[in-house]
Amino acid sequence: MPKPIAVLQGTFVNDLFFIPLTVNGRKVRRVVVDTGASTLIFNGEVARQLRLPNLGAVGVAGVGGATHAFRSKCNVRIASRSFRNVPCVVIKNLSKPGLLGLKFFRDHHLGLALNPSAETLKIYATRTK
């Protein structure tokens, strides 16, 4: 297995794995790694703090039903890697600060190795530039 580009220390709480994530130069604590989420999602409070632009309304549906949201973009930093203009969605009433969905990893050709015992998430580049 290749050397990871990042090893993130997280925390399991109620069977959810939370990590800190740097977005637009600010640390967002307690972002859930959610491979069932289709994209990167933030709640309204975090979006306001990050000054995320509203790029248009979008409907979203999940396990909890359907709701209104808006599209946005942000810059994400993981260890020494920066990802610019990352598509994200803002759901104002989301109960968590954010969800880091599978689409982020797929779009950036990243692999994951989660170690629940050590509460770490290793991130690997699956394709070289």
N, C-alpha and C. Protein backbone atom coordinates (compact mmCIF):
# COMPACT_ATOMS: atom_id res chain seq x y z
N MET A 1 0.85 -1.18 0.00
CA MET A 1 0.00 0.00 0.00
C MET A 1 0.90 1.24 0.00
N PRO A 2 0.55 2.26 -0.78
CA PRO A 2 1.38 3.47 -0.83
C PRO A 2 1.35 4.23 0.49
N LYS A 3 2.29 5.14 0.63
CA LYS A 3 2.35 6.00 1.82
C LYS A 3 1.14 6.94 1.80
N PRO A 4 0.47 7.10 2.95
CA PRO A 4 -0.70 8.01 2.97
C PRO A 4 -0.28 9.46 2.79
N ILE A 5 -1.16 10.24 2.18
CA ILE A 5 -0.92 11.69 2.07
C ILE A 5 -1.32 12.38 3.37
N ALA A 6 -2.14 11.70 4.17
CA ALA A 6 -2.58 12.26 5.45
C ALA A 6 -3.03 11.15 6.38
N VAL A 7 -2.79 11.35 7.66
CA VAL A 7 -3.35 10.50 8.70
C VAL A 7 -4.06 11.44 9.66
N LEU A 8 -5.38 11.35 9.66
CA LEU A 8 -6.19 12.25 10.47
C LEU A 8 -6.64 11.55 11.74
N GLN A 9 -6.45 12.21 12.86
CA GLN A 9 -6.93 11.70 14.13
C GLN A 9 -8.37 12.15 14.29
N GLY A 10 -9.25 11.21 14.49
CA GLY A 10 -10.66 11.52 14.64
C GLY A 10 -11.19 11.02 15.96
N THR A 11 -12.51 11.01 16.06
CA THR A 11 -13.19 10.57 17.27
C THR A 11 -14.47 9.86 16.88
N PHE A 12 -14.71 8.71 17.48
CA PHE A 12 -15.99 8.03 17.31
C PHE A 12 -16.94 8.47 18.41
N VAL A 13 -18.13 8.91 18.03
CA VAL A 13 -19.18 9.27 18.98
C VAL A 13 -20.49 8.73 18.41
N ASN A 14 -21.16 7.89 19.19
CA ASN A 14 -22.43 7.30 18.76
C ASN A 14 -22.34 6.70 17.36
N ASP A 15 -21.28 5.93 17.12
CA ASP A 15 -21.05 5.23 15.86
C ASP A 15 -20.82 6.14 14.67
N LEU A 16 -20.52 7.41 14.89
CA LEU A 16 -20.15 8.33 13.83
C LEU A 16 -18.68 8.67 13.99
N PHE A 17 -17.95 8.80 12.87
CA PHE A 17 -16.54 9.14 12.92
C PHE A 17 -16.36 10.59 12.53
N PHE A 18 -15.91 11.40 13.48
CA PHE A 18 -15.72 12.84 13.29
C PHE A 18 -14.24 13.16 13.08
N ILE A 19 -13.96 14.08 12.14
CA ILE A 19 -12.61 14.57 11.94
C ILE A 19 -12.65 16.10 11.86
N PRO A 20 -11.53 16.75 12.16
CA PRO A 20 -11.44 18.18 11.87
C PRO A 20 -11.08 18.34 10.40
N LEU A 21 -11.57 19.39 9.78
CA LEU A 21 -11.31 19.64 8.37
C LEU A 21 -11.01 21.12 8.19
N THR A 22 -10.00 21.46 7.43
CA THR A 22 -9.68 22.85 7.18
C THR A 22 -10.37 23.29 5.89
N VAL A 23 -11.25 24.27 6.02
CA VAL A 23 -12.05 24.75 4.88
C VAL A 23 -11.91 26.27 4.82
N ASN A 24 -11.57 26.77 3.66
CA ASN A 24 -11.38 28.22 3.47
C ASN A 24 -10.45 28.80 4.54
N GLY A 25 -9.44 28.02 4.91
CA GLY A 25 -8.45 28.48 5.87
C GLY A 25 -8.86 28.39 7.33
N ARG A 26 -10.07 27.87 7.59
CA ARG A 26 -10.57 27.76 8.97
C ARG A 26 -10.81 26.31 9.33
N LYS A 27 -10.54 25.98 10.58
CA LYS A 27 -10.77 24.62 11.06
C LYS A 27 -12.25 24.42 11.35
N VAL A 28 -12.82 23.39 10.76
CA VAL A 28 -14.21 23.00 11.05
C VAL A 28 -14.10 21.70 11.85
N ARG A 29 -14.51 21.77 13.09
CA ARG A 29 -14.41 20.60 13.96
C ARG A 29 -15.65 19.72 13.79
N ARG A 30 -15.45 18.45 14.03
CA ARG A 30 -16.55 17.49 14.07
C ARG A 30 -17.29 17.33 12.74
N VAL A 31 -16.53 17.18 11.65
CA VAL A 31 -17.11 16.85 10.36
C VAL A 31 -17.20 15.32 10.31
N VAL A 32 -18.37 14.81 9.96
CA VAL A 32 -18.58 13.37 9.90
C VAL A 32 -18.08 12.83 8.57
N VAL A 33 -17.24 11.79 8.63
CA VAL A 33 -16.87 11.07 7.42
C VAL A 33 -18.05 10.17 7.11
N ASP A 34 -18.75 10.48 6.02
CA ASP A 34 -20.01 9.80 5.70
C ASP A 34 -19.97 9.34 4.25
N THR A 35 -19.52 8.09 4.04
CA THR A 35 -19.43 7.58 2.68
C THR A 35 -20.80 7.36 2.05
N GLY A 36 -21.85 7.48 2.85
CA GLY A 36 -23.20 7.41 2.31
C GLY A 36 -23.70 8.75 1.79
N ALA A 37 -23.00 9.83 2.17
CA ALA A 37 -23.35 11.16 1.66
C ALA A 37 -22.73 11.32 0.28
N SER A 38 -23.47 11.95 -0.59
CA SER A 38 -22.99 12.05 -1.97
C SER A 38 -21.97 13.16 -2.18
N THR A 39 -21.87 14.10 -1.26
CA THR A 39 -21.00 15.25 -1.47
C THR A 39 -20.54 15.82 -0.14
N LEU A 40 -19.83 16.92 -0.18
CA LEU A 40 -19.43 17.66 1.01
C LEU A 40 -20.60 18.56 1.40
N ILE A 41 -21.04 18.47 2.64
CA ILE A 41 -22.23 19.19 3.10
C ILE A 41 -21.90 19.94 4.38
N PHE A 42 -22.42 21.17 4.50
CA PHE A 42 -22.26 21.96 5.71
C PHE A 42 -23.62 22.43 6.19
N ASN A 43 -23.72 22.71 7.51
CA ASN A 43 -24.95 23.31 8.01
C ASN A 43 -24.88 24.83 7.83
N GLY A 44 -25.98 25.51 8.09
CA GLY A 44 -26.07 26.95 7.86
C GLY A 44 -25.11 27.76 8.69
N GLU A 45 -24.90 27.38 9.95
CA GLU A 45 -23.99 28.14 10.82
C GLU A 45 -22.55 28.07 10.31
N VAL A 46 -22.11 26.87 9.95
CA VAL A 46 -20.74 26.71 9.42
C VAL A 46 -20.61 27.45 8.10
N ALA A 47 -21.61 27.36 7.25
CA ALA A 47 -21.57 28.07 5.96
C ALA A 47 -21.42 29.57 6.16
N ARG A 48 -22.11 30.11 7.14
CA ARG A 48 -22.00 31.54 7.44
C ARG A 48 -20.59 31.87 7.93
N GLN A 49 -20.05 31.05 8.83
CA GLN A 49 -18.70 31.28 9.36
C GLN A 49 -17.65 31.20 8.25
N LEU A 50 -17.87 30.31 7.29
CA LEU A 50 -16.92 30.13 6.19
C LEU A 50 -17.17 31.09 5.03
N ARG A 51 -18.28 31.84 5.14
CA ARG A 51 -18.70 32.78 4.09
C ARG A 51 -18.86 32.08 2.74
N LEU A 52 -19.56 30.96 2.77
CA LEU A 52 -19.77 30.21 1.54
C LEU A 52 -20.80 30.93 0.66
N PRO A 53 -20.50 31.09 -0.62
CA PRO A 53 -21.44 31.77 -1.50
C PRO A 53 -22.62 30.88 -1.84
N ASN A 54 -23.78 31.49 -2.00
CA ASN A 54 -24.98 30.77 -2.43
C ASN A 54 -24.96 30.77 -3.96
N LEU A 55 -24.75 29.58 -4.55
CA LEU A 55 -24.67 29.44 -6.01
C LEU A 55 -25.94 28.87 -6.61
N GLY A 56 -27.02 28.92 -5.86
CA GLY A 56 -28.31 28.48 -6.39
C GLY A 56 -28.93 27.36 -5.59
N ALA A 57 -30.23 27.37 -5.59
CA ALA A 57 -31.00 26.38 -4.82
C ALA A 57 -30.87 24.99 -5.43
N VAL A 58 -30.96 24.01 -4.55
CA VAL A 58 -30.93 22.62 -4.96
C VAL A 58 -31.76 21.82 -3.97
N GLY A 59 -32.47 20.83 -4.45
CA GLY A 59 -33.21 19.93 -3.57
C GLY A 59 -32.32 18.75 -3.23
N VAL A 60 -32.35 18.32 -2.00
CA VAL A 60 -31.56 17.16 -1.59
C VAL A 60 -32.48 16.17 -0.88
N ALA A 61 -32.15 14.90 -1.02
CA ALA A 61 -32.92 13.85 -0.37
C ALA A 61 -31.96 12.86 0.26
N GLY A 62 -32.34 12.35 1.40
CA GLY A 62 -31.53 11.36 2.10
C GLY A 62 -32.41 10.49 2.95
N VAL A 63 -31.79 9.80 3.87
CA VAL A 63 -32.51 8.89 4.75
C VAL A 63 -33.61 9.62 5.52
N GLY A 64 -33.32 10.86 5.92
CA GLY A 64 -34.28 11.64 6.71
C GLY A 64 -35.36 12.33 5.89
N GLY A 65 -35.33 12.17 4.57
CA GLY A 65 -36.33 12.81 3.72
C GLY A 65 -35.70 13.85 2.82
N ALA A 66 -36.52 14.72 2.27
CA ALA A 66 -36.07 15.74 1.33
C ALA A 66 -36.09 17.11 2.00
N THR A 67 -35.22 17.99 1.55
CA THR A 67 -35.17 19.34 2.08
C THR A 67 -34.59 20.27 1.03
N HIS A 68 -34.66 21.57 1.32
CA HIS A 68 -34.08 22.58 0.43
C HIS A 68 -32.67 22.89 0.89
N ALA A 69 -31.82 23.24 -0.06
CA ALA A 69 -30.43 23.55 0.23
C ALA A 69 -29.92 24.48 -0.85
N PHE A 70 -28.65 24.87 -0.75
CA PHE A 70 -28.06 25.60 -1.86
C PHE A 70 -26.67 25.06 -2.16
N ARG A 71 -26.29 25.20 -3.42
CA ARG A 71 -24.97 24.78 -3.89
C ARG A 71 -23.96 25.86 -3.53
N SER A 72 -22.71 25.44 -3.32
CA SER A 72 -21.64 26.37 -3.05
C SER A 72 -20.32 25.74 -3.47
N LYS A 73 -19.24 26.45 -3.20
CA LYS A 73 -17.89 25.95 -3.45
C LYS A 73 -17.00 26.42 -2.31
N CYS A 74 -15.95 25.64 -2.03
CA CYS A 74 -15.02 26.00 -0.97
C CYS A 74 -13.64 25.42 -1.29
N ASN A 75 -12.67 25.83 -0.50
CA ASN A 75 -11.32 25.29 -0.60
C ASN A 75 -11.06 24.42 0.62
N VAL A 76 -10.58 23.21 0.37
CA VAL A 76 -10.34 22.23 1.45
C VAL A 76 -8.85 21.92 1.49
N ARG A 77 -8.34 21.83 2.71
CA ARG A 77 -6.94 21.46 2.89
C ARG A 77 -6.89 20.24 3.79
N ILE A 78 -6.18 19.21 3.33
CA ILE A 78 -5.95 18.00 4.12
C ILE A 78 -4.45 17.78 4.12
N ALA A 79 -3.86 17.92 5.31
CA ALA A 79 -2.39 17.85 5.46
C ALA A 79 -1.77 18.88 4.52
N SER A 80 -0.89 18.46 3.63
CA SER A 80 -0.22 19.41 2.73
C SER A 80 -0.93 19.57 1.40
N ARG A 81 -2.05 18.89 1.21
CA ARG A 81 -2.79 18.95 -0.05
C ARG A 81 -3.92 19.96 0.01
N SER A 82 -4.01 20.79 -1.01
CA SER A 82 -5.11 21.75 -1.13
C SER A 82 -5.99 21.36 -2.29
N PHE A 83 -7.28 21.47 -2.08
CA PHE A 83 -8.28 21.17 -3.10
C PHE A 83 -9.12 22.43 -3.27
N ARG A 84 -9.04 23.03 -4.44
CA ARG A 84 -9.70 24.33 -4.68
C ARG A 84 -11.04 24.15 -5.40
N ASN A 85 -11.95 25.05 -5.10
CA ASN A 85 -13.26 25.08 -5.75
C ASN A 85 -14.00 23.75 -5.65
N VAL A 86 -14.00 23.20 -4.45
CA VAL A 86 -14.67 21.93 -4.19
C VAL A 86 -16.17 22.18 -4.10
N PRO A 87 -16.97 21.50 -4.92
CA PRO A 87 -18.42 21.66 -4.80
C PRO A 87 -18.90 21.18 -3.43
N CYS A 88 -19.83 21.92 -2.87
CA CYS A 88 -20.44 21.52 -1.61
C CYS A 88 -21.90 21.97 -1.60
N VAL A 89 -22.61 21.51 -0.61
CA VAL A 89 -24.02 21.83 -0.45
C VAL A 89 -24.22 22.33 0.97
N VAL A 90 -25.07 23.32 1.13
CA VAL A 90 -25.41 23.84 2.45
C VAL A 90 -26.86 23.49 2.75
N ILE A 91 -27.05 22.75 3.83
CA ILE A 91 -28.38 22.42 4.35
C ILE A 91 -28.49 23.16 5.68
N LYS A 92 -29.25 24.22 5.68
CA LYS A 92 -29.27 25.13 6.84
C LYS A 92 -29.54 24.42 8.15
N ASN A 93 -30.45 23.45 8.17
CA ASN A 93 -30.84 22.82 9.44
C ASN A 93 -30.15 21.48 9.69
N LEU A 94 -29.05 21.20 9.00
CA LEU A 94 -28.31 19.96 9.24
C LEU A 94 -27.85 19.91 10.69
N SER A 95 -28.04 18.79 11.36
CA SER A 95 -27.71 18.71 12.79
C SER A 95 -26.21 18.61 13.08
N LYS A 96 -25.42 18.23 12.11
CA LYS A 96 -23.96 18.14 12.27
C LYS A 96 -23.32 19.34 11.58
N PRO A 97 -22.11 19.75 12.00
CA PRO A 97 -21.43 20.85 11.31
C PRO A 97 -21.19 20.55 9.83
N GLY A 98 -20.86 19.31 9.54
CA GLY A 98 -20.61 18.96 8.15
C GLY A 98 -20.53 17.46 7.94
N LEU A 99 -20.67 17.06 6.68
CA LEU A 99 -20.51 15.67 6.27
C LEU A 99 -19.51 15.67 5.12
N LEU A 100 -18.51 14.80 5.22
CA LEU A 100 -17.55 14.65 4.14
C LEU A 100 -17.94 13.39 3.38
N GLY A 101 -18.58 13.60 2.24
CA GLY A 101 -19.15 12.50 1.47
C GLY A 101 -18.17 11.83 0.53
N LEU A 102 -18.59 10.71 0.01
CA LEU A 102 -17.77 9.87 -0.86
C LEU A 102 -17.34 10.59 -2.14
N LYS A 103 -18.17 11.49 -2.65
CA LYS A 103 -17.86 12.18 -3.90
C LYS A 103 -16.55 12.95 -3.80
N PHE A 104 -16.25 13.55 -2.66
CA PHE A 104 -14.98 14.27 -2.49
C PHE A 104 -13.80 13.33 -2.75
N PHE A 105 -13.83 12.15 -2.14
CA PHE A 105 -12.74 11.19 -2.29
C PHE A 105 -12.66 10.66 -3.72
N ARG A 106 -13.79 10.36 -4.30
CA ARG A 106 -13.83 9.85 -5.69
C ARG A 106 -13.34 10.90 -6.66
N ASP A 107 -13.83 12.13 -6.54
CA ASP A 107 -13.43 13.20 -7.47
C ASP A 107 -11.94 13.51 -7.42
N HIS A 108 -11.32 13.32 -6.26
CA HIS A 108 -9.91 13.65 -6.10
C HIS A 108 -9.01 12.42 -6.09
N HIS A 109 -9.57 11.28 -6.48
CA HIS A 109 -8.81 10.03 -6.61
C HIS A 109 -8.08 9.69 -5.32
N LEU A 110 -8.86 9.65 -4.24
CA LEU A 110 -8.32 9.36 -2.92
C LEU A 110 -8.91 8.07 -2.38
N GLY A 111 -8.08 7.28 -1.73
CA GLY A 111 -8.53 6.07 -1.05
C GLY A 111 -8.53 6.29 0.44
N LEU A 112 -9.28 5.46 1.15
CA LEU A 112 -9.45 5.61 2.59
C LEU A 112 -9.11 4.31 3.31
N ALA A 113 -8.51 4.44 4.49
CA ALA A 113 -8.32 3.30 5.38
C ALA A 113 -8.67 3.79 6.78
N LEU A 114 -9.79 3.33 7.29
CA LEU A 114 -10.27 3.73 8.61
C LEU A 114 -9.87 2.68 9.63
N ASN A 115 -9.25 3.12 10.72
CA ASN A 115 -8.90 2.23 11.82
C ASN A 115 -9.73 2.64 13.03
N PRO A 116 -10.84 1.95 13.26
CA PRO A 116 -11.72 2.32 14.37
C PRO A 116 -11.04 2.23 15.74
N SER A 117 -10.14 1.26 15.94
CA SER A 117 -9.47 1.11 17.23
C SER A 117 -8.56 2.29 17.54
N ALA A 118 -7.80 2.73 16.53
CA ALA A 118 -6.87 3.86 16.72
C ALA A 118 -7.55 5.21 16.47
N GLU A 119 -8.79 5.18 15.98
CA GLU A 119 -9.54 6.39 15.62
C GLU A 119 -8.76 7.25 14.64
N THR A 120 -8.22 6.59 13.60
CA THR A 120 -7.48 7.31 12.56
C THR A 120 -8.08 7.01 11.19
N LEU A 121 -7.93 7.99 10.31
CA LEU A 121 -8.32 7.85 8.92
C LEU A 121 -7.09 8.14 8.08
N LYS A 122 -6.63 7.15 7.35
CA LYS A 122 -5.51 7.34 6.43
C LYS A 122 -6.09 7.62 5.05
N ILE A 123 -5.53 8.64 4.39
CA ILE A 123 -5.98 9.02 3.06
C ILE A 123 -4.82 8.81 2.10
N TYR A 124 -5.10 8.11 1.00
CA TYR A 124 -4.10 7.76 0.00
C TYR A 124 -4.45 8.36 -1.35
N ALA A 125 -3.44 8.75 -2.10
CA ALA A 125 -3.65 9.12 -3.50
C ALA A 125 -3.73 7.82 -4.28
N THR A 126 -4.81 7.65 -5.04
CA THR A 126 -4.97 6.42 -5.82
C THR A 126 -4.51 6.61 -7.25
N ARG A 127 -4.19 7.83 -7.61
CA ARG A 127 -3.69 8.13 -8.95
C ARG A 127 -2.70 9.27 -8.82
N THR A 128 -1.55 9.12 -9.45
CA THR A 128 -0.56 10.19 -9.42
C THR A 128 -0.85 11.19 -10.52
N LYS A 129 -0.41 12.42 -10.31
CA LYS A 129 -0.66 13.48 -11.28
C LYS A 129 0.25 13.36 -12.47
